[in-house]
């Protein structure tokens, strides 16, 4: 199932409370004195006159003591943007995409010796007749099963081992994974592992022959075409140019000596202006797949092994998987893919159930979703291979599995972006 891992944002809410103060005078309360200077005129000395009810005497109007000059207000200085600010901020560059075709499981299919044939003896069977059924000789069948000549005694129910069978094998190519090979031959990774007496976690190497299980169907190399963001490093911003040195003045012509005069005291040099820190501008592009593989080589291990339920990339209209989903047994141990610090451990990201995020060195981040149980807490320091939880089916999935993501940021100023985990996991 496709998931979209949303970045958890912490929002800081700041508020300020404004207190409005007003003064008023009520009956029986002392008159409040103003907190600004008041000019005392001839009519304002002592106690203000009391106006009696019905008194029609007009109060003297206030007269200015000097002519009033009228002039326009001075213009306010225009606001200057701070260094590094942009008004309005420039729009983000348009995202560019490219079509990438990937081909996996390109190795050859060859003939190989399969497991030995076997035959269960029935009543009336003879060594000679069984040898013919197994396409071998009586002497070879007797030697393979330690039967003594000349009687070659056998009994019903006895299982006789025949010669090795002929089967098909796949020659591992560079970059192959057990699960990519399984997709090519329409079988499960566990079926291939069982046919070769190996574990799903075992490493396969180029040139190794893997016996193909019964019932396989060769569909040819697996080719997928997807549209992915164009990825490359952003060019660094040019360094500021230094100001040219002042021109050297030409020497003055020789003149007659003058009486010495005290040299003026030089004015102190102004302190150099502090350079504003460079603005953080995230690069619009991330490294290409080849660069990602090179940068991540040897850093990560599989958190667990299992069939791939959903690969990385677009999954239909408007849907995308930012990692891979690995089938697992309920309660199976999930291990840290690399050493780092736990930056999130909880179940507050919709769709992912119990989720752990680990931050690694050099801009790498890994995510582990749908866990049945979390065995670490935030700010824990984790070593590679350490158990961080158990696989489960929490979140929006219908069977036990692990959603695993790898994210990478080329520089500390960039936001970590999802990359295909298959590019950095061991093959």
Protein backbone atom coordinates (compact mmCIF):
# COMPACT_ATOMS: atom_id res chain seq x y z
CA UNK A 1 0.00 0.00 0.00
CA UNK A 2 1.27 3.41 -0.86
CA UNK A 3 2.03 5.79 1.87
CA UNK A 4 2.96 9.41 2.05
CA UNK A 5 5.18 10.19 4.98
CA UNK A 6 4.27 13.69 6.16
CA UNK A 7 6.92 15.72 7.95
CA UNK A 8 5.92 16.44 11.55
CA UNK A 9 6.01 20.21 12.18
CA UNK A 10 6.23 21.79 15.58
CA UNK A 11 4.28 25.06 15.71
CA UNK A 12 5.31 27.64 18.30
CA UNK A 13 2.31 29.76 19.33
CA UNK A 14 3.28 33.07 20.86
CA UNK A 15 0.73 35.58 22.16
CA UNK A 16 0.91 39.01 23.73
CA UNK A 17 -1.79 40.56 25.94
CA UNK A 18 -2.41 44.30 25.72
CA UNK A 19 -3.82 45.98 28.84
CA UNK A 20 -5.91 49.03 28.13
CA UNK A 21 -5.97 51.48 31.01
CA UNK A 22 -8.54 54.29 31.36
CA UNK A 23 -9.10 56.77 34.14
CA UNK A 24 -12.43 58.20 35.14
CA UNK A 25 -13.78 60.32 37.99
CA UNK A 26 -16.79 59.30 39.97
CA UNK A 27 -18.57 60.96 42.84
CA UNK A 28 -16.59 60.81 46.07
CA UNK A 29 -13.33 59.86 44.32
CA UNK A 30 -10.31 62.15 44.26
CA UNK A 31 -9.71 63.78 40.89
CA UNK A 32 -7.06 61.94 38.90
CA UNK A 33 -4.05 64.10 38.07
CA UNK A 34 -2.95 63.89 34.44
CA UNK A 35 0.48 62.43 33.78
CA UNK A 36 1.39 65.17 31.28
CA UNK A 37 2.15 68.90 31.92
CA UNK A 38 -0.82 71.31 31.97
CA UNK A 39 -0.38 75.01 31.51
CA UNK A 40 -2.02 77.00 34.33
CA UNK A 41 -3.66 80.14 32.92
CA UNK A 42 -5.19 83.04 34.78
CA UNK A 43 -8.56 81.36 34.74
CA UNK A 44 -7.20 77.99 35.78
CA UNK A 45 -5.77 78.87 39.19
CA UNK A 46 -7.33 77.33 42.24
CA UNK A 47 -10.55 75.42 42.24
CA UNK A 48 -12.41 75.36 38.91
CA UNK A 49 -15.73 77.24 38.98
CA UNK A 50 -18.84 75.25 39.63
CA UNK A 51 -21.63 75.64 37.12
CA UNK A 52 -24.99 75.78 38.82
CA UNK A 53 -28.06 74.24 37.24
CA UNK A 54 -29.89 76.76 35.07
CA UNK A 55 -26.84 79.00 34.73
CA UNK A 56 -26.75 80.17 31.12
CA UNK A 57 -23.43 81.95 31.42
CA UNK A 58 -21.23 80.85 28.57
CA UNK A 59 -17.85 79.54 29.63
CA UNK A 60 -14.96 81.51 28.20
CA UNK A 61 -13.57 79.82 25.14
CA UNK A 62 -9.92 78.75 25.14
CA UNK A 63 -7.68 81.10 23.13
CA UNK A 64 -4.25 80.21 21.87
CA UNK A 65 -1.48 82.23 23.43
CA UNK A 66 0.40 82.42 20.10
CA UNK A 67 -0.46 82.06 16.45
CA UNK A 68 -0.76 78.43 15.28
CA UNK A 69 1.51 77.47 12.43
CA UNK A 70 0.21 74.87 10.01
CA UNK A 71 2.64 72.71 7.99
CA UNK A 72 2.50 69.23 6.45
CA UNK A 73 3.89 66.25 8.34
CA UNK A 74 7.36 65.10 7.50
CA UNK A 75 7.36 61.96 5.33
CA UNK A 76 8.14 58.73 7.14
CA UNK A 77 11.39 57.08 6.16
CA UNK A 78 10.83 54.17 3.80
CA UNK A 79 11.46 50.74 5.29
CA UNK A 80 14.65 49.15 4.03
CA UNK A 81 14.83 45.38 3.72
CA UNK A 82 17.36 43.59 5.84
CA UNK A 83 20.28 41.81 4.17
CA UNK A 84 19.16 38.53 2.69
CA UNK A 85 15.42 39.50 2.73
CA UNK A 86 13.41 39.50 -0.47
CA UNK A 87 10.07 41.27 -0.88
CA UNK A 88 8.15 39.35 -2.00
CA UNK A 89 10.09 36.08 -1.64
CA UNK A 90 11.00 34.55 -4.99
CA UNK A 91 8.78 31.67 -6.10
CA UNK A 92 10.33 28.22 -5.86
CA UNK A 93 11.85 26.95 -9.09
CA UNK A 94 9.58 24.64 -11.06
CA UNK A 95 10.19 20.96 -10.40
CA UNK A 96 11.80 19.16 -13.32
CA UNK A 97 11.17 15.50 -14.05
CA UNK A 98 12.90 12.91 -16.15
CA UNK A 99 11.90 9.45 -17.34
CA UNK A 100 14.13 6.71 -15.94
CA UNK A 101 14.08 3.11 -17.18
CA UNK A 102 15.46 0.51 -14.79
CA UNK A 103 16.19 -3.09 -15.64
CA UNK A 104 16.87 -5.72 -12.99
CA UNK A 105 17.39 -9.49 -12.91
CA UNK A 106 19.29 -9.53 -16.22
CA UNK A 107 21.29 -12.71 -15.55
CA UNK A 108 21.25 -15.86 -17.69
CA UNK A 109 19.33 -19.10 -17.12
CA UNK A 110 21.54 -22.22 -17.43
CA UNK A 111 21.25 -25.99 -16.93
CA UNK A 112 22.32 -27.29 -13.55
CA UNK A 113 22.26 -30.43 -11.43
CA UNK A 114 19.22 -30.45 -9.23
CA UNK A 115 18.52 -32.38 -6.04
CA UNK A 116 18.76 -36.20 -6.18
CA UNK A 117 15.72 -38.11 -7.35
CA UNK A 118 14.09 -40.54 -4.97
CA UNK A 119 11.85 -43.57 -5.21
CA UNK A 120 9.74 -45.30 -2.56
CA UNK A 121 9.85 -49.08 -2.94
CA UNK A 122 6.51 -50.83 -3.48
CA UNK A 123 5.60 -54.48 -3.18
CA UNK A 124 6.91 -56.45 -6.17
CA UNK A 125 9.61 -53.90 -7.13
CA UNK A 126 13.09 -55.03 -8.13
CA UNK A 127 16.35 -53.12 -8.13
CA UNK A 128 16.63 -53.53 -11.86
CA UNK A 129 13.12 -52.16 -12.47
CA UNK A 130 13.65 -49.19 -10.16
CA UNK A 131 16.96 -48.37 -11.89
CA UNK A 132 15.19 -48.19 -15.22
CA UNK A 133 12.54 -45.85 -13.81
CA UNK A 134 15.26 -43.53 -12.46
CA UNK A 135 17.29 -43.65 -15.70
CA UNK A 136 20.33 -45.21 -14.06
CA UNK A 137 22.01 -48.63 -13.81
CA UNK A 138 21.42 -51.34 -11.22
CA UNK A 139 25.05 -51.11 -10.08
CA UNK A 140 24.90 -47.32 -9.67
CA UNK A 141 21.60 -47.49 -7.77
CA UNK A 142 23.04 -50.16 -5.48
CA UNK A 143 26.17 -48.05 -4.85
CA UNK A 144 24.13 -44.91 -4.10
CA UNK A 145 22.05 -46.80 -1.51
CA UNK A 146 24.65 -49.24 -0.05
CA UNK A 147 22.84 -52.33 -1.37
CA UNK A 148 24.88 -55.53 -1.19
CA UNK A 149 25.34 -57.69 -4.28
CA UNK A 150 24.25 -60.08 -5.51
CA UNK A 151 20.85 -60.11 -3.80
CA UNK A 152 20.26 -56.30 -3.52
CA UNK A 153 17.67 -56.80 -0.80
CA UNK A 154 14.99 -54.08 -0.68
CA UNK A 155 11.69 -53.87 1.22
CA UNK A 156 8.39 -52.02 0.62
CA UNK A 157 8.37 -48.48 1.98
CA UNK A 158 12.12 -48.09 1.66
CA UNK A 159 13.19 -44.80 -0.03
CA UNK A 160 15.97 -45.20 -2.58
CA UNK A 161 18.05 -42.25 -3.72
CA UNK A 162 18.53 -41.97 -7.44
CA UNK A 163 20.85 -39.87 -9.59
CA UNK A 164 20.83 -36.07 -9.50
CA UNK A 165 18.05 -34.44 -11.51
CA UNK A 166 18.56 -31.81 -14.17
CA UNK A 167 17.07 -28.40 -13.49
CA UNK A 168 17.52 -24.74 -14.36
CA UNK A 169 19.59 -22.21 -12.47
CA UNK A 170 19.86 -18.43 -12.60
CA UNK A 171 23.29 -16.77 -12.77
CA UNK A 172 23.26 -13.75 -10.44
CA UNK A 173 24.12 -10.44 -12.17
CA UNK A 174 25.55 -7.29 -10.61
CA UNK A 175 22.92 -5.33 -8.69
CA UNK A 176 20.51 -8.27 -8.35
CA UNK A 177 18.49 -8.96 -5.23
CA UNK A 178 16.76 -12.16 -4.23
CA UNK A 179 13.41 -10.43 -4.51
CA UNK A 180 14.07 -9.00 -7.97
CA UNK A 181 14.98 -12.51 -9.16
CA UNK A 182 11.80 -13.87 -7.59
CA UNK A 183 9.70 -11.30 -9.49
CA UNK A 184 11.32 -12.32 -12.78
CA UNK A 185 10.48 -16.00 -12.29
CA UNK A 186 7.00 -15.45 -10.74
CA UNK A 187 7.90 -17.17 -7.46
CA UNK A 188 8.54 -16.00 -3.91
CA UNK A 189 11.91 -15.19 -2.46
CA UNK A 190 11.35 -17.88 0.16
CA UNK A 191 10.86 -20.49 -2.58
CA UNK A 192 14.24 -19.62 -4.11
CA UNK A 193 15.87 -19.66 -0.68
CA UNK A 194 14.41 -23.11 0.08
CA UNK A 195 15.55 -24.50 -3.29
CA UNK A 196 19.11 -23.43 -2.48
CA UNK A 197 19.17 -24.31 1.24
CA UNK A 198 19.77 -20.69 2.21
CA UNK A 199 18.17 -17.97 4.30
CA UNK A 200 16.40 -14.86 3.01
CA UNK A 201 19.03 -12.76 4.78
CA UNK A 202 21.97 -14.45 3.02
CA UNK A 203 24.00 -12.29 0.64
CA UNK A 204 24.08 -13.25 -3.03
CA UNK A 205 27.03 -12.38 -5.28
CA UNK A 206 27.48 -11.86 -9.03
CA UNK A 207 28.22 -15.15 -10.78
CA UNK A 208 26.51 -17.29 -8.13
CA UNK A 209 24.10 -19.94 -9.45
CA UNK A 210 20.69 -20.15 -7.82
CA UNK A 211 18.55 -23.23 -8.50
CA UNK A 212 15.06 -22.26 -9.63
CA UNK A 213 12.16 -23.89 -7.74
CA UNK A 214 9.57 -26.09 -9.40
CA UNK A 215 6.80 -24.25 -11.19
CA UNK A 216 8.87 -21.15 -12.04
CA UNK A 217 7.94 -19.10 -15.12
CA UNK A 218 10.62 -16.94 -16.73
CA UNK A 219 9.13 -13.57 -17.71
CA UNK A 220 12.49 -12.05 -18.66
CA UNK A 221 14.39 -9.14 -17.07
CA UNK A 222 12.19 -6.81 -15.05
CA UNK A 223 11.92 -3.37 -16.67
CA UNK A 224 10.16 -0.42 -15.06
CA UNK A 225 9.81 3.13 -16.38
CA UNK A 226 9.01 5.93 -13.92
CA UNK A 227 9.10 9.71 -13.87
CA UNK A 228 11.37 10.99 -11.11
CA UNK A 229 12.55 14.48 -10.16
CA UNK A 230 15.70 15.56 -11.96
CA UNK A 231 18.45 15.14 -9.39
CA UNK A 232 21.81 16.87 -9.22
CA UNK A 233 23.67 19.11 -6.86
CA UNK A 234 22.84 22.82 -6.89
CA UNK A 235 25.72 25.06 -7.90
CA UNK A 236 27.19 26.95 -4.92
CA UNK A 237 26.54 30.67 -4.72
CA UNK A 238 29.48 32.77 -5.94
CA UNK A 239 31.63 34.31 -3.22
CA UNK A 240 31.31 38.08 -2.77
CA UNK A 241 33.89 40.04 -4.70
CA UNK A 242 36.44 41.93 -2.67
CA UNK A 243 36.56 45.70 -3.10
CA UNK A 244 39.53 46.82 -5.28
CA UNK A 245 42.37 48.48 -3.35
CA UNK A 246 42.50 52.29 -3.53
CA UNK A 247 44.85 53.65 -6.20
CA UNK A 248 48.34 54.45 -5.04
CA UNK A 249 48.86 58.26 -5.20
CA UNK A 250 51.70 59.49 -7.41
CA UNK A 251 54.67 60.93 -5.52
CA UNK A 252 54.48 64.71 -5.08
CA UNK A 253 57.27 66.83 -6.66
CA UNK A 254 60.12 67.84 -4.39
CA UNK A 255 59.59 71.14 -2.57
CA UNK A 256 61.58 73.26 -0.20
CA UNK A 257 61.45 72.05 3.38
CA UNK A 258 58.88 73.69 5.62
CA UNK A 259 58.87 74.16 9.37
CA UNK A 260 57.69 71.04 11.12
CA UNK A 261 54.10 71.11 12.31
CA UNK A 262 52.47 68.65 14.65
CA UNK A 263 50.85 65.80 12.69
CA UNK A 264 47.07 65.63 13.07
CA UNK A 265 45.78 62.77 15.14
CA UNK A 266 44.37 60.18 12.75
CA UNK A 267 40.69 59.44 13.16
CA UNK A 268 39.97 55.93 14.44
CA UNK A 269 39.21 53.51 11.64
CA UNK A 270 35.54 52.48 11.53
CA UNK A 271 34.85 48.98 12.72
CA UNK A 272 34.36 46.57 9.84
CA UNK A 273 30.71 45.89 9.11
CA UNK A 274 29.59 42.46 10.16
CA UNK A 275 28.66 40.29 7.23
CA UNK A 276 25.15 38.93 7.46
CA UNK A 277 24.98 35.11 7.52
CA UNK A 278 24.21 33.63 4.12
CA UNK A 279 20.58 32.88 3.49
CA UNK A 280 19.65 29.19 3.60
CA UNK A 281 18.42 28.32 0.14
CA UNK A 282 17.57 24.61 -0.24
CA UNK A 283 18.90 23.14 -3.45
CA UNK A 284 16.22 22.32 -5.98
CA UNK A 285 17.88 19.02 -6.89
CA UNK A 286 19.34 15.98 -5.15
CA UNK A 287 22.07 13.62 -6.34
CA UNK A 288 21.38 11.21 -9.18
CA UNK A 289 20.87 7.49 -8.54
CA UNK A 290 24.50 6.67 -9.33
CA UNK A 291 25.70 9.28 -6.84
CA UNK A 292 23.24 8.05 -4.21
CA UNK A 293 24.51 4.49 -4.60
CA UNK A 294 28.10 5.66 -4.25
CA UNK A 295 27.40 7.86 -1.20
CA UNK A 296 25.35 5.17 0.56
CA UNK A 297 27.58 2.18 -0.23
CA UNK A 298 28.31 0.14 2.88
CA UNK A 299 26.26 2.39 5.20
CA UNK A 300 23.05 0.37 5.62
CA UNK A 301 21.84 -3.16 6.30
CA UNK A 302 18.39 -4.68 5.81
CA UNK A 303 16.13 -3.97 8.81
CA UNK A 304 14.59 -7.39 8.11
CA UNK A 305 14.34 -9.74 5.14
CA UNK A 306 11.14 -10.65 3.32
CA UNK A 307 9.25 -10.39 0.07
CA UNK A 308 8.81 -6.87 -1.28
CA UNK A 309 5.09 -6.05 -1.18
CA UNK A 310 5.44 -2.57 -2.67
CA UNK A 311 8.45 -1.01 -4.37
CA UNK A 312 9.60 2.61 -4.37
CA UNK A 313 8.00 5.17 -6.68
CA UNK A 314 4.68 6.15 -8.26
CA UNK A 315 1.77 3.75 -7.70
CA UNK A 316 -1.06 5.00 -9.89
CA UNK A 317 -2.75 8.35 -10.29
CA UNK A 318 -1.70 10.70 -7.52
CA UNK A 319 -0.12 7.96 -5.40
CA UNK A 320 3.49 7.27 -4.53
CA UNK A 321 5.48 5.05 -2.17
CA UNK A 322 8.41 6.89 -0.60
CA UNK A 323 10.01 3.62 0.52
CA UNK A 324 9.52 -0.13 0.27
CA UNK A 325 7.07 -2.38 2.10
CA UNK A 326 8.56 -5.71 3.23
CA UNK A 327 6.42 -8.70 4.17
CA UNK A 328 7.19 -9.89 7.71
CA UNK A 329 5.99 -12.25 10.40
CA UNK A 330 4.06 -10.65 13.22
CA UNK A 331 6.52 -9.92 16.04
CA UNK A 332 9.61 -10.36 13.84
CA UNK A 333 12.60 -8.31 15.01
CA UNK A 334 13.18 -4.98 13.22
CA UNK A 335 16.76 -3.70 13.42
CA UNK A 336 18.32 -0.28 12.86
CA UNK A 337 19.71 -0.08 9.33
CA UNK A 338 22.57 2.15 10.53
CA UNK A 339 23.81 3.82 13.70
CA UNK A 340 22.22 7.14 14.65
CA UNK A 341 19.89 9.04 16.98
CA UNK A 342 16.15 8.39 17.42
CA UNK A 343 14.38 11.63 16.45
CA UNK A 344 10.82 10.24 16.57
CA UNK A 345 9.13 7.24 18.17
CA UNK A 346 5.35 7.22 18.31
CA UNK A 347 2.07 6.69 16.49
CA UNK A 348 0.97 10.23 15.63
CA UNK A 349 1.74 10.10 11.87
CA UNK A 350 -1.48 9.04 10.11
CA UNK A 351 -1.31 5.81 8.14
CA UNK A 352 1.99 4.50 9.52
CA UNK A 353 0.95 3.13 12.91
CA UNK A 354 3.90 2.81 15.28
CA UNK A 355 6.76 4.66 13.60
CA UNK A 356 10.47 5.22 14.37
CA UNK A 357 12.69 7.79 12.66
CA UNK A 358 16.49 7.58 13.02
CA UNK A 359 18.85 10.38 11.98
CA UNK A 360 22.27 9.24 10.76
CA UNK A 361 25.51 11.06 9.92
CA UNK A 362 26.02 12.99 6.67
CA UNK A 363 22.37 13.87 6.04
CA UNK A 364 20.79 10.38 6.06
CA UNK A 365 17.47 9.49 7.75
CA UNK A 366 15.66 6.13 7.91
CA UNK A 367 12.02 5.41 8.80
CA UNK A 368 10.37 2.22 10.11
CA UNK A 369 6.56 2.03 10.02
CA UNK A 370 3.69 -0.37 10.96
CA UNK A 371 5.60 -1.69 13.99
CA UNK A 372 3.71 -3.87 16.43
CA UNK A 373 5.94 -2.60 19.24
CA UNK A 374 8.54 0.17 19.65
CA UNK A 375 11.58 -0.72 21.75
CA UNK A 376 13.37 2.67 21.69
CA UNK A 377 12.54 6.21 22.71
CA UNK A 378 13.37 9.65 21.38
CA UNK A 379 16.99 10.83 21.77
CA UNK A 380 18.27 7.25 22.18
CA UNK A 381 21.60 6.58 20.48
CA UNK A 382 21.28 3.49 18.30
CA UNK A 383 23.93 1.14 16.93
CA UNK A 384 23.65 -0.59 13.58
CA UNK A 385 21.68 -3.84 13.90
CA UNK A 386 20.18 -2.92 17.27
CA UNK A 387 16.57 -4.02 17.77
CA UNK A 388 14.26 -0.99 17.59
CA UNK A 389 10.92 -2.78 17.51
CA UNK A 390 8.85 -5.64 16.18
CA UNK A 391 7.05 -5.92 12.85
CA UNK A 392 3.28 -5.72 12.86
CA UNK A 393 0.22 -4.44 11.02
CA UNK A 394 -0.47 -1.12 12.77
CA UNK A 395 -1.64 1.74 10.58
CA UNK A 396 -3.48 1.33 7.31
CA UNK A 397 -2.26 -2.15 6.29
CA UNK A 398 -3.96 -5.53 6.24
CA UNK A 399 -1.03 -7.89 6.97
CA UNK A 400 2.22 -7.78 9.00
CA UNK A 401 4.89 -5.81 7.16
CA UNK A 402 7.54 -3.13 7.55
CA UNK A 403 7.41 0.18 5.71
CA UNK A 404 11.06 1.23 5.33
CA UNK A 405 12.28 4.58 3.99
CA UNK A 406 15.68 6.11 3.35
CA UNK A 407 15.94 9.89 3.01
CA UNK A 408 18.97 12.02 2.13
CA UNK A 409 19.90 15.71 2.26
CA UNK A 410 23.03 16.73 0.28
CA UNK A 411 23.78 19.68 2.61
CA UNK A 412 22.66 20.70 6.12
CA UNK A 413 20.53 23.46 4.55
CA UNK A 414 18.51 20.98 2.47
CA UNK A 415 15.41 19.03 3.45
CA UNK A 416 15.94 15.26 3.44
CA UNK A 417 14.16 13.74 0.44
CA UNK A 418 13.15 10.09 -0.07
CA UNK A 419 15.35 7.90 -2.25
CA UNK A 420 14.94 4.30 -3.39
CA UNK A 421 16.22 2.12 -0.50
CA UNK A 422 17.32 -0.52 -3.02
CA UNK A 423 20.07 1.89 -4.16
CA UNK A 424 21.88 1.70 -0.82
CA UNK A 425 20.88 -1.64 0.73
CA UNK A 426 23.29 -4.58 0.25
CA UNK A 427 22.45 -6.84 -2.66
